[in-house]
Amino acid sequence: MAIISEVKEEGAKPSASSPPSPKPALFNASLDSSNIVGFLEKVEEEERKKREKEAKKKSTKEDEKDKQINPNLRVPNKGNDLDFERYSWTQTIQEVTVMVPVPPGTRSKFVDCQMKKSYLKVGLKGHPPVIDGYLFQVIKPDDCYWSMEDNDSIAIVLSKQNQMEWWKCLIKGEPEIDTRKVEPESSRISDLDPETRRTVEKLMFDQRQKAMGHPTSDEIQKQAMLKQFMSMNPNMDFSNAKMM
């Protein structure tokens, strides 16, 4: 059995006034020739922990940098949105739902709701609009609709033109949310059609992988293909092989 032991580099002894230099982190493990796979798994686990630690530090630094660049960037609430005094909005990967409170007993004939490709206006006839501005992204007007909820709220459902993007805000110029913090609920994902669900799950997986400094699903697939090719061609030299 071969043993991998700690190795300390020899160097000049520090003077009494010099601060002690930090000791490098050493990986200690016994290499059993009969259990090479187990040894490699342990090495990989140590590397994984190291990458996660570094990724966490990097993520914290990026958050601090974002706050300096855009101090108004907000963390989305449970609906992946923001609540305002006069209305609120929530979103899925496909739609945006806007709720506008109105006086109890309000009938639909008093509602003024205009939904255009990149514009939204909502309010009551004869009163200043509650929402009046350009949308964050383009919508599909023919697939959008509004209705009265319990005679005290206007519910507007907007169908996103790009159904693979999270909105940072409803109306341009409003406070924006940090879309990296968006986390769809499992129940919502299960309601999606199979193709959209696979795409959303892939986006979520890749988002988490990038945050931890790990390879994305596409990169993992390429690595698996390379490993398979290497195993099928053991006599070839892959020392200079690079993942593209």
C-alpha atoms as a PDB file:
ATOM      1  CA  MET A   1       0.000   0.000   0.000  1.00  0.00           C
ATOM      2  CA  ALA A   2       1.368   3.392  -1.000  1.00  0.00           C
ATOM      3  CA  ILE A   3       0.940   6.237   1.463  1.00  0.00           C
ATOM      4  CA  ILE A   4       0.570   9.900   0.536  1.00  0.00           C
ATOM      5  CA  SER A   5       2.006  11.817   3.465  1.00  0.00           C
ATOM      6  CA  GLU A   6       2.215  15.492   4.382  1.00  0.00           C
ATOM      7  CA  VAL A   7       5.010  17.379   2.695  1.00  0.00           C
ATOM      8  CA  LYS A   8       6.447  20.569   4.197  1.00  0.00           C
ATOM      9  CA  GLU A   9       8.552  22.821   2.055  1.00  0.00           C
ATOM     10  CA  GLU A  10      11.813  23.875   3.622  1.00  0.00           C
ATOM     11  CA  GLY A  11      12.612  27.550   3.614  1.00  0.00           C
ATOM     12  CA  ALA A  12      14.288  30.296   5.537  1.00  0.00           C
ATOM     13  CA  LYS A  13      13.230  30.494   9.147  1.00  0.00           C
ATOM     14  CA  PRO A  14      11.210  33.654   9.870  1.00  0.00           C
ATOM     15  CA  SER A  15      12.739  36.178  12.239  1.00  0.00           C
ATOM     16  CA  ALA A  16      11.292  36.724  15.671  1.00  0.00           C
ATOM     17  CA  SER A  17       9.719  39.987  14.515  1.00  0.00           C
ATOM     18  CA  SER A  18       8.184  38.496  11.384  1.00  0.00           C
ATOM     19  CA  PRO A  19       4.550  37.365  11.619  1.00  0.00           C
ATOM     20  CA  PRO A  20       4.051  33.608  11.228  1.00  0.00           C
ATOM     21  CA  SER A  21       3.177  32.678   7.674  1.00  0.00           C
ATOM     22  CA  PRO A  22      -0.128  30.824   7.184  1.00  0.00           C
ATOM     23  CA  LYS A  23       0.173  27.078   6.820  1.00  0.00           C
ATOM     24  CA  PRO A  24      -1.059  25.691   3.503  1.00  0.00           C
ATOM     25  CA  ALA A  25      -4.026  23.353   3.627  1.00  0.00           C
ATOM     26  CA  LEU A  26      -2.809  19.809   3.070  1.00  0.00           C
ATOM     27  CA  PHE A  27      -4.838  16.876   1.863  1.00  0.00           C
ATOM     28  CA  ASN A  28      -4.016  13.657   3.715  1.00  0.00           C
ATOM     29  CA  ALA A  29      -5.220  10.331   2.407  1.00  0.00           C
ATOM     30  CA  SER A  30      -4.045   6.760   2.085  1.00  0.00           C
ATOM     31  CA  LEU A  31      -3.873   5.440  -1.444  1.00  0.00           C
ATOM     32  CA  ASP A  32      -4.916   1.818  -1.471  1.00  0.00           C
ATOM     33  CA  SER A  33      -4.086   0.231  -4.812  1.00  0.00           C
ATOM     34  CA  SER A  34      -7.146  -1.978  -4.410  1.00  0.00           C
ATOM     35  CA  ASN A  35      -9.461   1.013  -3.909  1.00  0.00           C
ATOM     36  CA  ILE A  36      -8.283   3.722  -6.291  1.00  0.00           C
ATOM     37  CA  VAL A  37     -11.866   4.755  -7.049  1.00  0.00           C
ATOM     38  CA  GLY A  38     -12.541   5.441  -3.380  1.00  0.00           C
ATOM     39  CA  PHE A  39      -9.400   7.564  -3.142  1.00  0.00           C
ATOM     40  CA  LEU A  40     -10.330   9.573  -6.225  1.00  0.00           C
ATOM     41  CA  GLU A  41     -13.837  10.112  -4.855  1.00  0.00           C
ATOM     42  CA  LYS A  42     -12.351  11.503  -1.659  1.00  0.00           C
ATOM     43  CA  VAL A  43     -10.092  13.848  -3.621  1.00  0.00           C
ATOM     44  CA  GLU A  44     -13.052  14.965  -5.716  1.00  0.00           C
ATOM     45  CA  GLU A  45     -15.109  15.597  -2.566  1.00  0.00           C
ATOM     46  CA  GLU A  46     -12.364  17.786  -1.127  1.00  0.00           C
ATOM     47  CA  GLU A  47     -12.155  19.725  -4.378  1.00  0.00           C
ATOM     48  CA  ARG A  48     -15.934  20.126  -4.443  1.00  0.00           C
ATOM     49  CA  LYS A  49     -15.959  21.604  -0.936  1.00  0.00           C
ATOM     50  CA  LYS A  50     -13.159  23.955  -1.910  1.00  0.00           C
ATOM     51  CA  ARG A  51     -15.016  25.117  -5.036  1.00  0.00           C
ATOM     52  CA  GLU A  52     -18.234  25.675  -3.082  1.00  0.00           C
ATOM     53  CA  LYS A  53     -16.385  27.751  -0.500  1.00  0.00           C
ATOM     54  CA  GLU A  54     -14.749  29.868  -3.203  1.00  0.00           C
ATOM     55  CA  ALA A  55     -18.044  30.212  -5.087  1.00  0.00           C
ATOM     56  CA  LYS A  56     -19.787  31.402  -1.917  1.00  0.00           C
ATOM     57  CA  LYS A  57     -17.139  34.075  -1.402  1.00  0.00           C
ATOM     58  CA  LYS A  58     -17.419  35.097  -5.058  1.00  0.00           C
ATOM     59  CA  SER A  59     -21.214  35.287  -4.844  1.00  0.00           C
ATOM     60  CA  THR A  60     -21.000  37.480  -1.744  1.00  0.00           C
ATOM     61  CA  LYS A  61     -18.557  39.816  -3.481  1.00  0.00           C
ATOM     62  CA  GLU A  62     -20.818  40.006  -6.549  1.00  0.00           C
ATOM     63  CA  ASP A  63     -23.818  40.852  -4.363  1.00  0.00           C
ATOM     64  CA  GLU A  64     -21.848  43.624  -2.675  1.00  0.00           C
ATOM     65  CA  LYS A  65     -20.707  44.900  -6.084  1.00  0.00           C
ATOM     66  CA  ASP A  66     -24.284  44.895  -7.379  1.00  0.00           C
ATOM     67  CA  LYS A  67     -25.431  46.876  -4.362  1.00  0.00           C
ATOM     68  CA  GLN A  68     -22.750  49.465  -5.063  1.00  0.00           C
ATOM     69  CA  ILE A  69     -23.675  49.682  -8.748  1.00  0.00           C
ATOM     70  CA  ASN A  70     -27.434  49.527  -8.168  1.00  0.00           C
ATOM     71  CA  PRO A  71     -28.289  50.049  -4.481  1.00  0.00           C
ATOM     72  CA  ASN A  72     -32.020  49.919  -5.332  1.00  0.00           C
ATOM     73  CA  LEU A  73     -31.866  46.295  -6.517  1.00  0.00           C
ATOM     74  CA  ARG A  74     -34.366  44.323  -4.414  1.00  0.00           C
ATOM     75  CA  VAL A  75     -34.839  40.700  -3.467  1.00  0.00           C
ATOM     76  CA  PRO A  76     -38.089  39.351  -4.979  1.00  0.00           C
ATOM     77  CA  ASN A  77     -40.848  38.100  -2.689  1.00  0.00           C
ATOM     78  CA  LYS A  78     -42.469  34.671  -2.858  1.00  0.00           C
ATOM     79  CA  GLY A  79     -44.209  35.570  -6.103  1.00  0.00           C
ATOM     80  CA  ASN A  80     -40.893  36.546  -7.718  1.00  0.00           C
ATOM     81  CA  ASP A  81     -42.087  40.132  -7.774  1.00  0.00           C
ATOM     82  CA  LEU A  82     -42.606  43.309  -5.752  1.00  0.00           C
ATOM     83  CA  ASP A  83     -45.614  44.723  -3.905  1.00  0.00           C
ATOM     84  CA  PHE A  84     -46.456  48.403  -4.236  1.00  0.00           C
ATOM     85  CA  GLU A  85     -48.907  50.614  -2.369  1.00  0.00           C
ATOM     86  CA  ARG A  86     -51.486  50.687  -5.159  1.00  0.00           C
ATOM     87  CA  TYR A  87     -50.870  47.360  -6.874  1.00  0.00           C
ATOM     88  CA  SER A  88     -48.759  44.192  -6.865  1.00  0.00           C
ATOM     89  CA  TRP A  89     -47.449  41.829  -9.494  1.00  0.00           C
ATOM     90  CA  THR A  90     -46.239  38.250  -9.610  1.00  0.00           C
ATOM     91  CA  GLN A  91     -44.680  36.194 -12.365  1.00  0.00           C
ATOM     92  CA  THR A  92     -43.969  32.727 -13.642  1.00  0.00           C
ATOM     93  CA  ILE A  93     -41.559  32.003 -16.462  1.00  0.00           C
ATOM     94  CA  GLN A  94     -44.499  32.377 -18.899  1.00  0.00           C
ATOM     95  CA  GLU A  95     -46.845  34.987 -17.438  1.00  0.00           C
ATOM     96  CA  VAL A  96     -47.118  38.101 -15.306  1.00  0.00           C
ATOM     97  CA  THR A  97     -50.150  38.621 -13.069  1.00  0.00           C
ATOM     98  CA  VAL A  98     -51.026  42.123 -11.869  1.00  0.00           C
ATOM     99  CA  MET A  99     -53.468  42.817  -9.020  1.00  0.00           C
ATOM    100  CA  VAL A 100     -54.969  46.303  -8.660  1.00  0.00           C
ATOM    101  CA  PRO A 101     -57.243  46.890  -5.624  1.00  0.00           C
ATOM    102  CA  VAL A 102     -60.386  48.961  -6.322  1.00  0.00           C
ATOM    103  CA  PRO A 103     -63.298  50.121  -4.132  1.00  0.00           C
ATOM    104  CA  PRO A 104     -65.611  47.225  -3.109  1.00  0.00           C
ATOM    105  CA  GLY A 105     -68.532  46.778  -5.465  1.00  0.00           C
ATOM    106  CA  THR A 106     -66.673  48.106  -8.509  1.00  0.00           C
ATOM    107  CA  ARG A 107     -68.160  46.717 -11.727  1.00  0.00           C
ATOM    108  CA  SER A 108     -66.179  45.789 -14.802  1.00  0.00           C
ATOM    109  CA  LYS A 109     -67.810  48.504 -16.938  1.00  0.00           C
ATOM    110  CA  PHE A 110     -65.987  51.133 -14.863  1.00  0.00           C
ATOM    111  CA  VAL A 111     -62.568  49.602 -15.521  1.00  0.00           C
ATOM    112  CA  ASP A 112     -60.169  51.107 -18.044  1.00  0.00           C
ATOM    113  CA  CYS A 113     -57.578  48.475 -19.003  1.00  0.00           C
ATOM    114  CA  GLN A 114     -55.418  48.833 -22.093  1.00  0.00           C
ATOM    115  CA  MET A 115     -52.910  46.108 -22.935  1.00  0.00           C
ATOM    116  CA  LYS A 116     -50.617  46.679 -25.886  1.00  0.00           C
ATOM    117  CA  LYS A 117     -47.445  44.963 -27.067  1.00  0.00           C
ATOM    118  CA  SER A 118     -45.169  46.992 -24.801  1.00  0.00           C
ATOM    119  CA  TYR A 119     -47.590  49.221 -22.900  1.00  0.00           C
ATOM    120  CA  LEU A 120     -50.045  48.812 -20.007  1.00  0.00           C
ATOM    121  CA  LYS A 121     -52.639  51.179 -18.599  1.00  0.00           C
ATOM    122  CA  VAL A 122     -54.954  50.185 -15.742  1.00  0.00           C
ATOM    123  CA  GLY A 123     -57.382  52.235 -13.670  1.00  0.00           C
ATOM    124  CA  LEU A 124     -60.985  53.361 -13.333  1.00  0.00           C
ATOM    125  CA  LYS A 125     -62.717  55.523 -15.883  1.00  0.00           C
ATOM    126  CA  GLY A 126     -62.747  59.184 -14.907  1.00  0.00           C
ATOM    127  CA  HIS A 127     -59.820  58.718 -12.485  1.00  0.00           C
ATOM    128  CA  PRO A 128     -56.034  58.943 -12.895  1.00  0.00           C
ATOM    129  CA  PRO A 129     -54.634  55.536 -13.936  1.00  0.00           C
ATOM    130  CA  VAL A 130     -52.984  53.350 -11.313  1.00  0.00           C
ATOM    131  CA  ILE A 131     -50.576  51.914 -13.892  1.00  0.00           C
ATOM    132  CA  ASP A 132     -49.552  53.820 -16.996  1.00  0.00           C
ATOM    133  CA  GLY A 133     -46.235  53.023 -18.646  1.00  0.00           C
ATOM    134  CA  TYR A 134     -44.055  50.857 -20.839  1.00  0.00           C
ATOM    135  CA  LEU A 135     -43.632  47.224 -19.859  1.00  0.00           C
ATOM    136  CA  PHE A 136     -40.260  45.724 -19.012  1.00  0.00           C
ATOM    137  CA  GLN A 137     -40.566  43.380 -21.984  1.00  0.00           C
ATOM    138  CA  VAL A 138     -42.919  42.722 -24.873  1.00  0.00           C
ATOM    139  CA  ILE A 139     -46.141  40.754 -24.324  1.00  0.00           C
ATOM    140  CA  LYS A 140     -48.610  38.901 -26.572  1.00  0.00           C
ATOM    141  CA  PRO A 141     -51.754  41.090 -26.373  1.00  0.00           C
ATOM    142  CA  ASP A 142     -54.032  38.466 -27.940  1.00  0.00           C
ATOM    143  CA  ASP A 143     -53.188  36.045 -25.131  1.00  0.00           C
ATOM    144  CA  CYS A 144     -53.644  38.604 -22.338  1.00  0.00           C
ATOM    145  CA  TYR A 145     -56.855  39.226 -20.395  1.00  0.00           C
ATOM    146  CA  TRP A 146     -58.245  40.895 -17.282  1.00  0.00           C
ATOM    147  CA  SER A 147     -61.130  40.176 -14.918  1.00  0.00           C
ATOM    148  CA  MET A 148     -62.704  41.369 -11.673  1.00  0.00           C
ATOM    149  CA  GLU A 149     -61.809  39.436  -8.524  1.00  0.00           C
ATOM    150  CA  ASP A 150     -64.364  39.535  -5.677  1.00  0.00           C
ATOM    151  CA  ASN A 151     -65.553  42.933  -6.930  1.00  0.00           C
ATOM    152  CA  ASP A 152     -62.630  44.631  -5.185  1.00  0.00           C
ATOM    153  CA  SER A 153     -59.606  43.883  -7.391  1.00  0.00           C
ATOM    154  CA  ILE A 154     -58.667  43.949 -11.052  1.00  0.00           C
ATOM    155  CA  ALA A 155     -56.630  40.903 -12.096  1.00  0.00           C
ATOM    156  CA  ILE A 156     -54.552  41.297 -15.267  1.00  0.00           C
ATOM    157  CA  VAL A 157     -52.736  38.334 -16.814  1.00  0.00           C
ATOM    158  CA  LEU A 158     -49.972  39.202 -19.280  1.00  0.00           C
ATOM    159  CA  SER A 159     -48.499  36.524 -21.536  1.00  0.00           C
ATOM    160  CA  LYS A 160     -44.776  37.084 -22.066  1.00  0.00           C
ATOM    161  CA  GLN A 161     -43.471  37.187 -25.619  1.00  0.00           C
ATOM    162  CA  ASN A 162     -40.194  35.689 -24.412  1.00  0.00           C
ATOM    163  CA  GLN A 163     -41.291  32.901 -22.093  1.00  0.00           C
ATOM    164  CA  MET A 164     -37.750  32.037 -21.046  1.00  0.00           C
ATOM    165  CA  GLU A 165     -36.929  35.265 -19.209  1.00  0.00           C
ATOM    166  CA  TRP A 166     -37.624  36.620 -15.737  1.00  0.00           C
ATOM    167  CA  TRP A 167     -38.766  40.225 -15.610  1.00  0.00           C
ATOM    168  CA  LYS A 168     -36.810  42.637 -13.416  1.00  0.00           C
ATOM    169  CA  CYS A 169     -39.807  44.950 -13.068  1.00  0.00           C
ATOM    170  CA  LEU A 170     -43.323  45.403 -14.416  1.00  0.00           C
ATOM    171  CA  ILE A 171     -43.043  48.974 -15.709  1.00  0.00           C
ATOM    172  CA  LYS A 172     -39.776  50.485 -16.889  1.00  0.00           C
ATOM    173  CA  GLY A 173     -38.404  52.922 -14.338  1.00  0.00           C
ATOM    174  CA  GLU A 174     -39.760  51.000 -11.338  1.00  0.00           C
ATOM    175  CA  PRO A 175     -37.478  49.437  -8.698  1.00  0.00           C
ATOM    176  CA  GLU A 176     -35.955  46.241 -10.081  1.00  0.00           C
ATOM    177  CA  ILE A 177     -35.654  42.820  -8.483  1.00  0.00           C
ATOM    178  CA  ASP A 178     -32.536  40.648  -8.471  1.00  0.00           C
ATOM    179  CA  THR A 179     -33.526  37.915 -10.925  1.00  0.00           C
ATOM    180  CA  ARG A 180     -30.708  35.694  -9.616  1.00  0.00           C
ATOM    181  CA  LYS A 181     -32.796  35.317  -6.461  1.00  0.00           C
ATOM    182  CA  VAL A 182     -35.866  34.108  -8.361  1.00  0.00           C
ATOM    183  CA  GLU A 183     -36.920  30.584  -7.345  1.00  0.00           C
ATOM    184  CA  PRO A 184     -40.062  29.088  -8.933  1.00  0.00           C
ATOM    185  CA  GLU A 185     -42.205  26.944  -6.662  1.00  0.00           C
ATOM    186  CA  SER A 186     -42.238  23.219  -7.427  1.00  0.00           C
ATOM    187  CA  SER A 187     -46.034  23.224  -7.710  1.00  0.00           C
ATOM    188  CA  ARG A 188     -45.861  25.807 -10.459  1.00  0.00           C
ATOM    189  CA  ILE A 189     -43.235  23.878 -12.386  1.00  0.00           C
ATOM    190  CA  SER A 190     -45.336  20.715 -12.265  1.00  0.00           C
ATOM    191  CA  ASP A 191     -48.181  22.592 -13.961  1.00  0.00           C
ATOM    192  CA  LEU A 192     -46.062  23.377 -17.017  1.00  0.00           C
ATOM    193  CA  ASP A 193     -46.122  21.317 -20.185  1.00  0.00           C
ATOM    194  CA  PRO A 194     -43.290  18.731 -20.381  1.00  0.00           C
ATOM    195  CA  GLU A 195     -41.133  20.680 -22.843  1.00  0.00           C
ATOM    196  CA  THR A 196     -41.355  23.975 -20.930  1.00  0.00           C
ATOM    197  CA  ARG A 197     -40.839  22.163 -17.643  1.00  0.00           C
ATOM    198  CA  ARG A 198     -37.597  20.584 -18.885  1.00  0.00           C
ATOM    199  CA  THR A 199     -36.375  23.974 -20.077  1.00  0.00           C
ATOM    200  CA  VAL A 200     -37.216  25.681 -16.774  1.00  0.00           C
ATOM    201  CA  GLU A 201     -35.585  22.929 -14.725  1.00  0.00           C
ATOM    202  CA  LYS A 202     -32.484  23.182 -16.920  1.00  0.00           C
ATOM    203  CA  LEU A 203     -32.338  26.952 -16.390  1.00  0.00           C
ATOM    204  CA  MET A 204     -32.690  26.531 -12.621  1.00  0.00           C
ATOM    205  CA  PHE A 205     -30.004  23.831 -12.529  1.00  0.00           C
ATOM    206  CA  ASP A 206     -27.563  25.883 -14.609  1.00  0.00           C
ATOM    207  CA  GLN A 207     -28.273  28.945 -12.457  1.00  0.00           C
ATOM    208  CA  ARG A 208     -27.371  27.050  -9.265  1.00  0.00           C
ATOM    209  CA  GLN A 209     -24.311  25.456 -10.882  1.00  0.00           C
ATOM    210  CA  LYS A 210     -22.956  28.834 -12.012  1.00  0.00           C
ATOM    211  CA  ALA A 211     -23.555  30.320  -8.564  1.00  0.00           C
ATOM    212  CA  MET A 212     -21.420  27.547  -7.040  1.00  0.00           C
ATOM    213  CA  GLY A 213     -18.757  27.688  -9.737  1.00  0.00           C
ATOM    214  CA  HIS A 214     -19.742  24.275 -11.088  1.00  0.00           C
ATOM    215  CA  PRO A 215     -20.166  23.206 -14.744  1.00  0.00           C
ATOM    216  CA  THR A 216     -23.551  23.713 -16.406  1.00  0.00           C
ATOM    217  CA  SER A 217     -25.641  20.874 -17.830  1.00  0.00           C
ATOM    218  CA  ASP A 218     -24.184  21.420 -21.310  1.00  0.00           C
ATOM    219  CA  GLU A 219     -20.635  21.382 -19.928  1.00  0.00           C
ATOM    220  CA  ILE A 220     -21.350  18.212 -17.941  1.00  0.00           C
ATOM    221  CA  GLN A 221     -22.672  16.534 -21.085  1.00  0.00           C
ATOM    222  CA  LYS A 222     -19.540  17.499 -23.025  1.00  0.00           C
ATOM    223  CA  GLN A 223     -17.312  16.172 -20.230  1.00  0.00           C
ATOM    224  CA  ALA A 224     -19.226  12.881 -20.211  1.00  0.00           C
ATOM    225  CA  MET A 225     -18.847  12.555 -23.977  1.00  0.00           C
ATOM    226  CA  LEU A 226     -15.112  13.228 -23.715  1.00  0.00           C
ATOM    227  CA  LYS A 227     -14.699  10.627 -20.956  1.00  0.00           C
ATOM    228  CA  GLN A 228     -16.592   8.076 -23.023  1.00  0.00           C
ATOM    229  CA  PHE A 229     -14.425   8.805 -26.056  1.00  0.00           C
ATOM    230  CA  MET A 230     -11.268   8.524 -23.923  1.00  0.00           C
ATOM    231  CA  SER A 231     -12.355   5.158 -22.546  1.00  0.00           C
ATOM    232  CA  MET A 232     -12.959   3.914 -26.076  1.00  0.00           C
ATOM    233  CA  ASN A 233      -9.494   5.093 -27.175  1.00  0.00           C
ATOM    234  CA  PRO A 234      -7.115   4.240 -24.314  1.00  0.00           C
ATOM    235  CA  ASN A 235      -4.025   4.476 -26.528  1.00  0.00           C
ATOM    236  CA  MET A 236      -4.588   8.099 -27.492  1.00  0.00           C
ATOM    237  CA  ASP A 237      -2.947  11.002 -25.651  1.00  0.00           C
ATOM    238  CA  PHE A 238      -5.559  13.418 -24.274  1.00  0.00           C
ATOM    239  CA  SER A 239      -3.194  15.489 -22.128  1.00  0.00           C
ATOM    240  CA  ASN A 240      -3.757  18.571 -24.309  1.00  0.00           C
ATOM    241  CA  ALA A 241      -7.484  18.058 -24.793  1.00  0.00           C
ATOM    242  CA  LYS A 242      -9.619  21.104 -23.988  1.00  0.00           C
ATOM    243  CA  MET A 243     -13.343  21.444 -23.499  1.00  0.00           C
ATOM    244  CA  MET A 244     -14.876  23.937 -25.950  1.00  0.00           C
END
